[in-house]
Amino acid sequence: MEQPDRVPKTLRLEVLSLGTGGLTLEGITSLQIKLADGSWLGIRPGHAPIIAATDDGELKYRQGHEEHTVPVRSGIMTLTDNMISILTTH
């Protein structure tokens, strides 16, 4: 009997900003970000690939049992293979 593919349990996040440097985080178990249309997108490990425009606001994420919030500027977000990249210009 074959084992089903295992879904990785965490995400990696990179926020890249031309103006203020960047942020790299690992071990994220869930994340929420505000999209350019005003809605919120929730991401967990194993999420389908996506490209989206994001809005100014807070990026909310969980590492283990701890919740964190980081301010982010609008930009472009990509998600592939449990790696989230957000490119901003501020």
C-alpha atoms as a PDB file:
ATOM      1  CA  MET A   1       0.000   0.000   0.000  1.00  0.00           C
ATOM      2  CA  GLU A   2       1.369   3.420  -0.964  1.00  0.00           C
ATOM      3  CA  GLN A   3       1.712   6.225   1.549  1.00  0.00           C
ATOM      4  CA  PRO A   4      -0.208   9.384   0.603  1.00  0.00           C
ATOM      5  CA  ASP A   5       1.915  12.454  -0.073  1.00  0.00           C
ATOM      6  CA  ARG A   6       2.624  14.223   3.170  1.00  0.00           C
ATOM      7  CA  VAL A   7       1.757  17.899   3.344  1.00  0.00           C
ATOM      8  CA  PRO A   8       4.575  19.979   4.891  1.00  0.00           C
ATOM      9  CA  LYS A   9       3.516  21.385   8.238  1.00  0.00           C
ATOM     10  CA  THR A  10       4.951  24.887   7.895  1.00  0.00           C
ATOM     11  CA  LEU A  11       5.360  27.798   5.488  1.00  0.00           C
ATOM     12  CA  ARG A  12       8.310  30.071   4.753  1.00  0.00           C
ATOM     13  CA  LEU A  13       7.710  33.813   4.249  1.00  0.00           C
ATOM     14  CA  GLU A  14       9.895  36.432   2.587  1.00  0.00           C
ATOM     15  CA  VAL A  15       8.831  40.073   2.469  1.00  0.00           C
ATOM     16  CA  LEU A  16      11.101  42.020   0.138  1.00  0.00           C
ATOM     17  CA  SER A  17      10.970  45.810   0.128  1.00  0.00           C
ATOM     18  CA  LEU A  18      12.969  48.192  -2.014  1.00  0.00           C
ATOM     19  CA  GLY A  19      12.745  50.882   0.647  1.00  0.00           C
ATOM     20  CA  THR A  20      13.176  49.207   4.025  1.00  0.00           C
ATOM     21  CA  GLY A  21      14.932  45.900   3.474  1.00  0.00           C
ATOM     22  CA  GLY A  22      13.079  42.711   4.166  1.00  0.00           C
ATOM     23  CA  LEU A  23      11.836  40.053   6.510  1.00  0.00           C
ATOM     24  CA  THR A  24      12.299  36.267   6.391  1.00  0.00           C
ATOM     25  CA  LEU A  25      10.330  33.906   8.620  1.00  0.00           C
ATOM     26  CA  GLU A  26      10.147  30.122   8.826  1.00  0.00           C
ATOM     27  CA  GLY A  27       7.936  27.722  10.748  1.00  0.00           C
ATOM     28  CA  ILE A  28       4.674  29.525   9.962  1.00  0.00           C
ATOM     29  CA  THR A  29       1.611  27.337  10.474  1.00  0.00           C
ATOM     30  CA  SER A  30      -0.974  29.807   9.091  1.00  0.00           C
ATOM     31  CA  LEU A  31      -1.075  33.296   7.606  1.00  0.00           C
ATOM     32  CA  GLN A  32      -3.681  35.942   6.705  1.00  0.00           C
ATOM     33  CA  ILE A  33      -3.089  38.880   4.382  1.00  0.00           C
ATOM     34  CA  LYS A  34      -5.321  41.641   2.999  1.00  0.00           C
ATOM     35  CA  LEU A  35      -5.701  41.575  -0.782  1.00  0.00           C
ATOM     36  CA  ALA A  36      -5.988  44.602  -3.068  1.00  0.00           C
ATOM     37  CA  ASP A  37      -9.755  44.063  -3.463  1.00  0.00           C
ATOM     38  CA  GLY A  38     -10.218  44.434   0.323  1.00  0.00           C
ATOM     39  CA  SER A  39     -10.791  40.754   1.058  1.00  0.00           C
ATOM     40  CA  TRP A  40      -8.558  38.604   3.267  1.00  0.00           C
ATOM     41  CA  LEU A  41      -6.719  35.482   2.147  1.00  0.00           C
ATOM     42  CA  GLY A  42      -5.876  32.711   4.605  1.00  0.00           C
ATOM     43  CA  ILE A  43      -2.987  30.381   3.784  1.00  0.00           C
ATOM     44  CA  ARG A  44      -1.944  27.103   5.397  1.00  0.00           C
ATOM     45  CA  PRO A  45       0.712  24.593   4.373  1.00  0.00           C
ATOM     46  CA  GLY A  46      -0.274  22.737   1.201  1.00  0.00           C
ATOM     47  CA  HIS A  47      -2.200  25.708  -0.287  1.00  0.00           C
ATOM     48  CA  ALA A  48      -2.454  25.805  -4.079  1.00  0.00           C
ATOM     49  CA  PRO A  49      -0.032  28.121  -5.921  1.00  0.00           C
ATOM     50  CA  ILE A  50      -1.273  31.701  -6.246  1.00  0.00           C
ATOM     51  CA  ILE A  51      -0.272  35.165  -7.441  1.00  0.00           C
ATOM     52  CA  ALA A  52      -2.172  38.108  -5.933  1.00  0.00           C
ATOM     53  CA  ALA A  53      -1.996  41.861  -5.404  1.00  0.00           C
ATOM     54  CA  THR A  54      -1.928  42.802  -1.717  1.00  0.00           C
ATOM     55  CA  ASP A  55      -3.043  45.970   0.064  1.00  0.00           C
ATOM     56  CA  ASP A  56      -1.529  48.087   2.845  1.00  0.00           C
ATOM     57  CA  GLY A  57      -2.329  46.546   6.187  1.00  0.00           C
ATOM     58  CA  GLU A  58      -1.290  43.899   8.636  1.00  0.00           C
ATOM     59  CA  LEU A  59       0.051  40.479   7.871  1.00  0.00           C
ATOM     60  CA  LYS A  60      -1.134  38.083  10.556  1.00  0.00           C
ATOM     61  CA  TYR A  61       0.666  34.809  11.083  1.00  0.00           C
ATOM     62  CA  ARG A  62       0.964  31.975  13.548  1.00  0.00           C
ATOM     63  CA  GLN A  63       4.130  30.147  14.571  1.00  0.00           C
ATOM     64  CA  GLY A  64       3.204  27.218  16.763  1.00  0.00           C
ATOM     65  CA  HIS A  65       0.707  28.565  19.288  1.00  0.00           C
ATOM     66  CA  GLU A  66       1.865  32.187  19.055  1.00  0.00           C
ATOM     67  CA  GLU A  67       0.116  34.790  16.886  1.00  0.00           C
ATOM     68  CA  HIS A  68       2.061  37.698  15.407  1.00  0.00           C
ATOM     69  CA  THR A  69       1.212  40.801  13.381  1.00  0.00           C
ATOM     70  CA  VAL A  70       3.525  42.706  11.035  1.00  0.00           C
ATOM     71  CA  PRO A  71       2.628  45.855   9.063  1.00  0.00           C
ATOM     72  CA  VAL A  72       3.085  45.477   5.294  1.00  0.00           C
ATOM     73  CA  ARG A  73       2.662  47.797   2.341  1.00  0.00           C
ATOM     74  CA  SER A  74       0.823  46.937  -0.855  1.00  0.00           C
ATOM     75  CA  GLY A  75       2.625  44.709  -3.309  1.00  0.00           C
ATOM     76  CA  ILE A  76       2.604  41.422  -5.180  1.00  0.00           C
ATOM     77  CA  MET A  77       2.437  38.069  -3.410  1.00  0.00           C
ATOM     78  CA  THR A  78       3.353  34.684  -4.842  1.00  0.00           C
ATOM     79  CA  LEU A  79       2.933  31.288  -3.240  1.00  0.00           C
ATOM     80  CA  THR A  80       4.561  28.102  -4.533  1.00  0.00           C
ATOM     81  CA  ASP A  81       5.726  25.007  -2.674  1.00  0.00           C
ATOM     82  CA  ASN A  82       4.848  26.483   0.746  1.00  0.00           C
ATOM     83  CA  MET A  83       7.063  29.526   0.064  1.00  0.00           C
ATOM     84  CA  ILE A  84       5.311  32.909   0.261  1.00  0.00           C
ATOM     85  CA  SER A  85       7.082  35.910  -1.298  1.00  0.00           C
ATOM     86  CA  ILE A  86       5.760  39.458  -1.057  1.00  0.00           C
ATOM     87  CA  LEU A  87       7.439  42.235  -3.040  1.00  0.00           C
ATOM     88  CA  THR A  88       6.650  45.816  -2.003  1.00  0.00           C
ATOM     89  CA  THR A  89       8.034  49.132  -3.196  1.00  0.00           C
ATOM     90  CA  HIS A  90       7.936  51.005   0.151  1.00  0.00           C
END
